[in-house]
Each structure stands twice: as C-alpha cells, then as structure tokens.
Amino acid sequence: MIRRTFAAAAMSLTLGAGSAFAEPAVIYDLGGKFDKSFNEAAHNGAQRWAQETGKSYREIELQ
C-alpha cells in the first residue's frame, strides 16, 4: 500500500512538473483544418481556448 501511494505521488509530481514546460498543439490530419468535421471542431475548440485563456498554441497540418 505504501509503495502504491509513493508511486502515485511521484507520478503526479512528474506530470505536474512536465506540464509547466508543455506547449499545447493541435495536429490536423490530411483533411485540413476546415474539413467540416473533426479537424474543424478541434480548430474551433483551440481558438476558443486561446481566447479564454489568452495563451497560444501551435498548429501542425500534415501534408
């Protein structure tokens, strides 16, 4: 039981420290960001997140 608790605490500390350096990104598949489907929904959500938080994100489109 103590090992599990220690492992869970170590993992949450590691994930928390890594998120401080993470830069959010959206990766679009071959349909492009305005495909009237999942890519466009992801783009709209990312835009809304950027407006609400004032932060930026990277966009990557596969070719």
PDB file of N, CA and C in Angstrom:
ATOM      1  N   MET A   1       0.819  -1.188   0.000  1.00  0.00           N
ATOM      2  CA  MET A   1       0.000   0.000   0.000  1.00  0.00           C
ATOM      3  C   MET A   1       0.864   1.252   0.000  1.00  0.00           C
ATOM      4  N   ILE A   2       1.931   1.246   0.770  1.00  0.00           N
ATOM      5  CA  ILE A   2       2.815   2.414   0.837  1.00  0.00           C
ATOM      6  C   ILE A   2       3.494   2.629  -0.511  1.00  0.00           C
ATOM      7  N   ARG A   3       3.874   1.545  -1.183  1.00  0.00           N
ATOM      8  CA  ARG A   3       4.510   1.675  -2.499  1.00  0.00           C
ATOM      9  C   ARG A   3       3.569   2.325  -3.505  1.00  0.00           C
ATOM     10  N   ARG A   4       2.315   1.912  -3.494  1.00  0.00           N
ATOM     11  CA  ARG A   4       1.340   2.499  -4.428  1.00  0.00           C
ATOM     12  C   ARG A   4       1.166   3.992  -4.169  1.00  0.00           C
ATOM     13  N   THR A   5       1.057   4.356  -2.909  1.00  0.00           N
ATOM     14  CA  THR A   5       0.889   5.761  -2.560  1.00  0.00           C
ATOM     15  C   THR A   5       2.104   6.568  -2.997  1.00  0.00           C
ATOM     16  N   PHE A   6       3.298   6.031  -2.735  1.00  0.00           N
ATOM     17  CA  PHE A   6       4.522   6.714  -3.140  1.00  0.00           C
ATOM     18  C   PHE A   6       4.607   6.825  -4.657  1.00  0.00           C
ATOM     19  N   ALA A   7       4.270   5.756  -5.370  1.00  0.00           N
ATOM     20  CA  ALA A   7       4.310   5.770  -6.833  1.00  0.00           C
ATOM     21  C   ALA A   7       3.311   6.777  -7.398  1.00  0.00           C
ATOM     22  N   ALA A   8       2.126   6.830  -6.832  1.00  0.00           N
ATOM     23  CA  ALA A   8       1.117   7.788  -7.299  1.00  0.00           C
ATOM     24  C   ALA A   8       1.571   9.222  -7.050  1.00  0.00           C
ATOM     25  N   ALA A   9       2.179   9.472  -5.905  1.00  0.00           N
ATOM     26  CA  ALA A   9       2.663  10.815  -5.595  1.00  0.00           C
ATOM     27  C   ALA A   9       3.803  11.205  -6.530  1.00  0.00           C
ATOM     28  N   ALA A  10       4.718  10.279  -6.781  1.00  0.00           N
ATOM     29  CA  ALA A  10       5.829  10.564  -7.682  1.00  0.00           C
ATOM     30  C   ALA A  10       5.343  10.836  -9.096  1.00  0.00           C
ATOM     31  N   MET A  11       4.348  10.064  -9.542  1.00  0.00           N
ATOM     32  CA  MET A  11       3.831  10.260 -10.896  1.00  0.00           C
ATOM     33  C   MET A  11       3.132  11.612 -11.015  1.00  0.00           C
ATOM     34  N   SER A  12       2.350  11.998 -10.034  1.00  0.00           N
ATOM     35  CA  SER A  12       1.650  13.279 -10.119  1.00  0.00           C
ATOM     36  C   SER A  12       2.636  14.448 -10.066  1.00  0.00           C
ATOM     37  N   LEU A  13       3.704  14.322  -9.310  1.00  0.00           N
ATOM     38  CA  LEU A  13       4.724  15.370  -9.297  1.00  0.00           C
ATOM     39  C   LEU A  13       5.426  15.469 -10.644  1.00  0.00           C
ATOM     40  N   THR A  14       5.722  14.338 -11.242  1.00  0.00           N
ATOM     41  CA  THR A  14       6.376  14.320 -12.550  1.00  0.00           C
ATOM     42  C   THR A  14       5.481  14.927 -13.614  1.00  0.00           C
ATOM     43  N   LEU A  15       4.209  14.532 -13.636  1.00  0.00           N
ATOM     44  CA  LEU A  15       3.280  15.082 -14.619  1.00  0.00           C
ATOM     45  C   LEU A  15       3.063  16.576 -14.407  1.00  0.00           C
ATOM     46  N   GLY A  16       3.004  17.001 -13.166  1.00  0.00           N
ATOM     47  CA  GLY A  16       2.817  18.419 -12.871  1.00  0.00           C
ATOM     48  C   GLY A  16       4.013  19.246 -13.296  1.00  0.00           C
ATOM     49  N   ALA A  17       5.211  18.738 -13.081  1.00  0.00           N
ATOM     50  CA  ALA A  17       6.416  19.469 -13.481  1.00  0.00           C
ATOM     51  C   ALA A  17       6.535  19.526 -14.992  1.00  0.00           C
ATOM     52  N   GLY A  18       6.176  18.455 -15.672  1.00  0.00           N
ATOM     53  CA  GLY A  18       6.263  18.427 -17.129  1.00  0.00           C
ATOM     54  C   GLY A  18       5.259  19.346 -17.787  1.00  0.00           C
ATOM     55  N   SER A  19       4.107  19.515 -17.175  1.00  0.00           N
ATOM     56  CA  SER A  19       3.095  20.370 -17.790  1.00  0.00           C
ATOM     57  C   SER A  19       3.488  21.835 -17.766  1.00  0.00           C
ATOM     58  N   ALA A  20       4.383  22.227 -16.875  1.00  0.00           N
ATOM     59  CA  ALA A  20       4.832  23.615 -16.838  1.00  0.00           C
ATOM     60  C   ALA A  20       5.612  23.971 -18.094  1.00  0.00           C
ATOM     61  N   PHE A  21       6.222  22.988 -18.733  1.00  0.00           N
ATOM     62  CA  PHE A  21       7.022  23.228 -19.925  1.00  0.00           C
ATOM     63  C   PHE A  21       6.305  22.829 -21.204  1.00  0.00           C
ATOM     64  N   ALA A  22       5.101  22.307 -21.095  1.00  0.00           N
ATOM     65  CA  ALA A  22       4.371  21.823 -22.263  1.00  0.00           C
ATOM     66  C   ALA A  22       3.797  23.000 -23.044  1.00  0.00           C
ATOM     67  N   GLU A  23       3.853  22.898 -24.352  1.00  0.00           N
ATOM     68  CA  GLU A  23       3.237  23.888 -25.221  1.00  0.00           C
ATOM     69  C   GLU A  23       2.112  23.183 -25.960  1.00  0.00           C
ATOM     70  N   PRO A  24       0.862  23.641 -25.796  1.00  0.00           N
ATOM     71  CA  PRO A  24      -0.247  22.953 -26.448  1.00  0.00           C
ATOM     72  C   PRO A  24      -0.154  23.042 -27.968  1.00  0.00           C
ATOM     73  N   ALA A  25      -0.639  22.009 -28.623  1.00  0.00           N
ATOM     74  CA  ALA A  25      -0.618  21.971 -30.086  1.00  0.00           C
ATOM     75  C   ALA A  25      -1.822  21.193 -30.589  1.00  0.00           C
ATOM     76  N   VAL A  26      -2.256  21.544 -31.792  1.00  0.00           N
ATOM     77  CA  VAL A  26      -3.302  20.808 -32.482  1.00  0.00           C
ATOM     78  C   VAL A  26      -2.681  20.281 -33.766  1.00  0.00           C
ATOM     79  N   ILE A  27      -2.815  18.987 -33.985  1.00  0.00           N
ATOM     80  CA  ILE A  27      -2.282  18.363 -35.206  1.00  0.00           C
ATOM     81  C   ILE A  27      -3.467  17.939 -36.061  1.00  0.00           C
ATOM     82  N   TYR A  28      -3.551  18.510 -37.250  1.00  0.00           N
ATOM     83  CA  TYR A  28      -4.642  18.211 -38.168  1.00  0.00           C
ATOM     84  C   TYR A  28      -4.214  17.116 -39.128  1.00  0.00           C
ATOM     85  N   ASP A  29      -5.140  16.236 -39.485  1.00  0.00           N
ATOM     86  CA  ASP A  29      -4.794  15.189 -40.443  1.00  0.00           C
ATOM     87  C   ASP A  29      -4.926  15.731 -41.868  1.00  0.00           C
ATOM     88  N   LEU A  30      -4.903  14.869 -42.827  1.00  0.00           N
ATOM     89  CA  LEU A  30      -4.863  15.279 -44.230  1.00  0.00           C
ATOM     90  C   LEU A  30      -6.094  16.050 -44.696  1.00  0.00           C
ATOM     91  N   GLY A  31      -7.189  15.988 -43.958  1.00  0.00           N
ATOM     92  CA  GLY A  31      -8.387  16.719 -44.325  1.00  0.00           C
ATOM     93  C   GLY A  31      -8.230  18.228 -44.190  1.00  0.00           C
ATOM     94  N   GLY A  32      -7.253  18.672 -43.430  1.00  0.00           N
ATOM     95  CA  GLY A  32      -7.050  20.094 -43.217  1.00  0.00           C
ATOM     96  C   GLY A  32      -7.913  20.629 -42.101  1.00  0.00           C
ATOM     97  N   LYS A  33      -7.633  21.834 -41.665  1.00  0.00           N
ATOM     98  CA  LYS A  33      -8.330  22.376 -40.502  1.00  0.00           C
ATOM     99  C   LYS A  33      -9.762  22.792 -40.773  1.00  0.00           C
ATOM    100  N   PHE A  34     -10.146  22.961 -42.014  1.00  0.00           N
ATOM    101  CA  PHE A  34     -11.522  23.351 -42.337  1.00  0.00           C
ATOM    102  C   PHE A  34     -12.221  22.245 -43.122  1.00  0.00           C
ATOM    103  N   ASP A  35     -12.214  21.036 -42.557  1.00  0.00           N
ATOM    104  CA  ASP A  35     -12.776  19.869 -43.239  1.00  0.00           C
ATOM    105  C   ASP A  35     -14.251  19.628 -42.934  1.00  0.00           C
ATOM    106  N   LYS A  36     -14.888  20.530 -42.193  1.00  0.00           N
ATOM    107  CA  LYS A  36     -16.293  20.381 -41.785  1.00  0.00           C
ATOM    108  C   LYS A  36     -16.505  19.126 -40.931  1.00  0.00           C
ATOM    109  N   SER A  37     -15.461  18.712 -40.196  1.00  0.00           N
ATOM    110  CA  SER A  37     -15.549  17.515 -39.370  1.00  0.00           C
ATOM    111  C   SER A  37     -14.668  17.683 -38.130  1.00  0.00           C
ATOM    112  N   PHE A  38     -13.941  16.622 -37.763  1.00  0.00           N
ATOM    113  CA  PHE A  38     -13.160  16.612 -36.531  1.00  0.00           C
ATOM    114  C   PHE A  38     -12.071  17.674 -36.509  1.00  0.00           C
ATOM    115  N   ASN A  39     -11.368  17.855 -37.608  1.00  0.00           N
ATOM    116  CA  ASN A  39     -10.302  18.857 -37.635  1.00  0.00           C
ATOM    117  C   ASN A  39     -10.855  20.248 -37.361  1.00  0.00           C
ATOM    118  N   GLU A  40     -11.956  20.573 -37.984  1.00  0.00           N
ATOM    119  CA  GLU A  40     -12.546  21.898 -37.792  1.00  0.00           C
ATOM    120  C   GLU A  40     -13.061  22.065 -36.363  1.00  0.00           C
ATOM    121  N   ALA A  41     -13.621  21.019 -35.796  1.00  0.00           N
ATOM    122  CA  ALA A  41     -14.076  21.074 -34.406  1.00  0.00           C
ATOM    123  C   ALA A  41     -12.889  21.302 -33.464  1.00  0.00           C
ATOM    124  N   ALA A  42     -11.773  20.626 -33.723  1.00  0.00           N
ATOM    125  CA  ALA A  42     -10.569  20.818 -32.909  1.00  0.00           C
ATOM    126  C   ALA A  42     -10.051  22.244 -33.058  1.00  0.00           C
ATOM    127  N   HIS A  43     -10.059  22.759 -34.279  1.00  0.00           N
ATOM    128  CA  HIS A  43      -9.609  24.125 -34.528  1.00  0.00           C
ATOM    129  C   HIS A  43     -10.488  25.132 -33.774  1.00  0.00           C
ATOM    130  N   ASN A  44     -11.801  24.964 -33.859  1.00  0.00           N
ATOM    131  CA  ASN A  44     -12.720  25.870 -33.171  1.00  0.00           C
ATOM    132  C   ASN A  44     -12.529  25.817 -31.654  1.00  0.00           C
ATOM    133  N   GLY A  45     -12.329  24.625 -31.127  1.00  0.00           N
ATOM    134  CA  GLY A  45     -12.088  24.486 -29.687  1.00  0.00           C
ATOM    135  C   GLY A  45     -10.782  25.121 -29.258  1.00  0.00           C
ATOM    136  N   ALA A  46      -9.747  24.955 -30.061  1.00  0.00           N
ATOM    137  CA  ALA A  46      -8.453  25.553 -29.741  1.00  0.00           C
ATOM    138  C   ALA A  46      -8.535  27.076 -29.801  1.00  0.00           C
ATOM    139  N   GLN A  47      -9.251  27.600 -30.778  1.00  0.00           N
ATOM    140  CA  GLN A  47      -9.429  29.053 -30.877  1.00  0.00           C
ATOM    141  C   GLN A  47     -10.166  29.591 -29.650  1.00  0.00           C
ATOM    142  N   ARG A  48     -11.188  28.891 -29.244  1.00  0.00           N
ATOM    143  CA  ARG A  48     -11.954  29.318 -28.067  1.00  0.00           C
ATOM    144  C   ARG A  48     -11.087  29.276 -26.817  1.00  0.00           C
ATOM    145  N   TRP A  49     -10.309  28.208 -26.672  1.00  0.00           N
ATOM    146  CA  TRP A  49      -9.400  28.092 -25.523  1.00  0.00           C
ATOM    147  C   TRP A  49      -8.408  29.247 -25.515  1.00  0.00           C
ATOM    148  N   ALA A  50      -7.834  29.582 -26.675  1.00  0.00           N
ATOM    149  CA  ALA A  50      -6.860  30.665 -26.772  1.00  0.00           C
ATOM    150  C   ALA A  50      -7.491  32.006 -26.383  1.00  0.00           C
ATOM    151  N   GLN A  51      -8.713  32.240 -26.815  1.00  0.00           N
ATOM    152  CA  GLN A  51      -9.393  33.496 -26.482  1.00  0.00           C
ATOM    153  C   GLN A  51      -9.706  33.578 -24.990  1.00  0.00           C
ATOM    154  N   GLU A  52     -10.117  32.458 -24.409  1.00  0.00           N
ATOM    155  CA  GLU A  52     -10.492  32.458 -22.990  1.00  0.00           C
ATOM    156  C   GLU A  52      -9.290  32.552 -22.063  1.00  0.00           C
ATOM    157  N   THR A  53      -8.178  31.959 -22.442  1.00  0.00           N
ATOM    158  CA  THR A  53      -7.012  31.932 -21.566  1.00  0.00           C
ATOM    159  C   THR A  53      -5.976  32.994 -21.903  1.00  0.00           C
ATOM    160  N   GLY A  54      -6.025  33.520 -23.120  1.00  0.00           N
ATOM    161  CA  GLY A  54      -5.012  34.480 -23.541  1.00  0.00           C
ATOM    162  C   GLY A  54      -3.692  33.829 -23.893  1.00  0.00           C
ATOM    163  N   LYS A  55      -3.680  32.508 -23.978  1.00  0.00           N
ATOM    164  CA  LYS A  55      -2.465  31.770 -24.306  1.00  0.00           C
ATOM    165  C   LYS A  55      -2.481  31.380 -25.777  1.00  0.00           C
ATOM    166  N   SER A  56      -1.351  30.889 -26.258  1.00  0.00           N
ATOM    167  CA  SER A  56      -1.266  30.478 -27.656  1.00  0.00           C
ATOM    168  C   SER A  56      -1.022  28.978 -27.754  1.00  0.00           C
ATOM    169  N   TYR A  57      -1.175  28.470 -28.943  1.00  0.00           N
ATOM    170  CA  TYR A  57      -0.938  27.058 -29.213  1.00  0.00           C
ATOM    171  C   TYR A  57      -0.344  26.939 -30.602  1.00  0.00           C
ATOM    172  N   ARG A  58       0.259  25.805 -30.877  1.00  0.00           N
ATOM    173  CA  ARG A  58       0.840  25.551 -32.192  1.00  0.00           C
ATOM    174  C   ARG A  58      -0.144  24.767 -33.044  1.00  0.00           C
ATOM    175  N   GLU A  59      -0.085  24.993 -34.345  1.00  0.00           N
ATOM    176  CA  GLU A  59      -0.900  24.237 -35.276  1.00  0.00           C
ATOM    177  C   GLU A  59       0.025  23.508 -36.240  1.00  0.00           C
ATOM    178  N   ILE A  60      -0.252  22.228 -36.444  1.00  0.00           N
ATOM    179  CA  ILE A  60       0.541  21.413 -37.357  1.00  0.00           C
ATOM    180  C   ILE A  60      -0.423  20.736 -38.317  1.00  0.00           C
ATOM    181  N   GLU A  61      -0.203  20.944 -39.603  1.00  0.00           N
ATOM    182  CA  GLU A  61      -1.044  20.305 -40.629  1.00  0.00           C
ATOM    183  C   GLU A  61      -0.196  19.317 -41.402  1.00  0.00           C
ATOM    184  N   LEU A  62      -0.672  18.085 -41.504  1.00  0.00           N
ATOM    185  CA  LEU A  62       0.034  17.074 -42.276  1.00  0.00           C
ATOM    186  C   LEU A  62      -0.119  17.356 -43.768  1.00  0.00           C
ATOM    187  N   GLN A  63       0.896  17.072 -44.509  1.00  0.00           N
ATOM    188  CA  GLN A  63       0.871  17.308 -45.958  1.00  0.00           C
ATOM    189  C   GLN A  63       0.874  15.998 -46.712  1.00  0.00           C
TER     190      GLN A  63
END
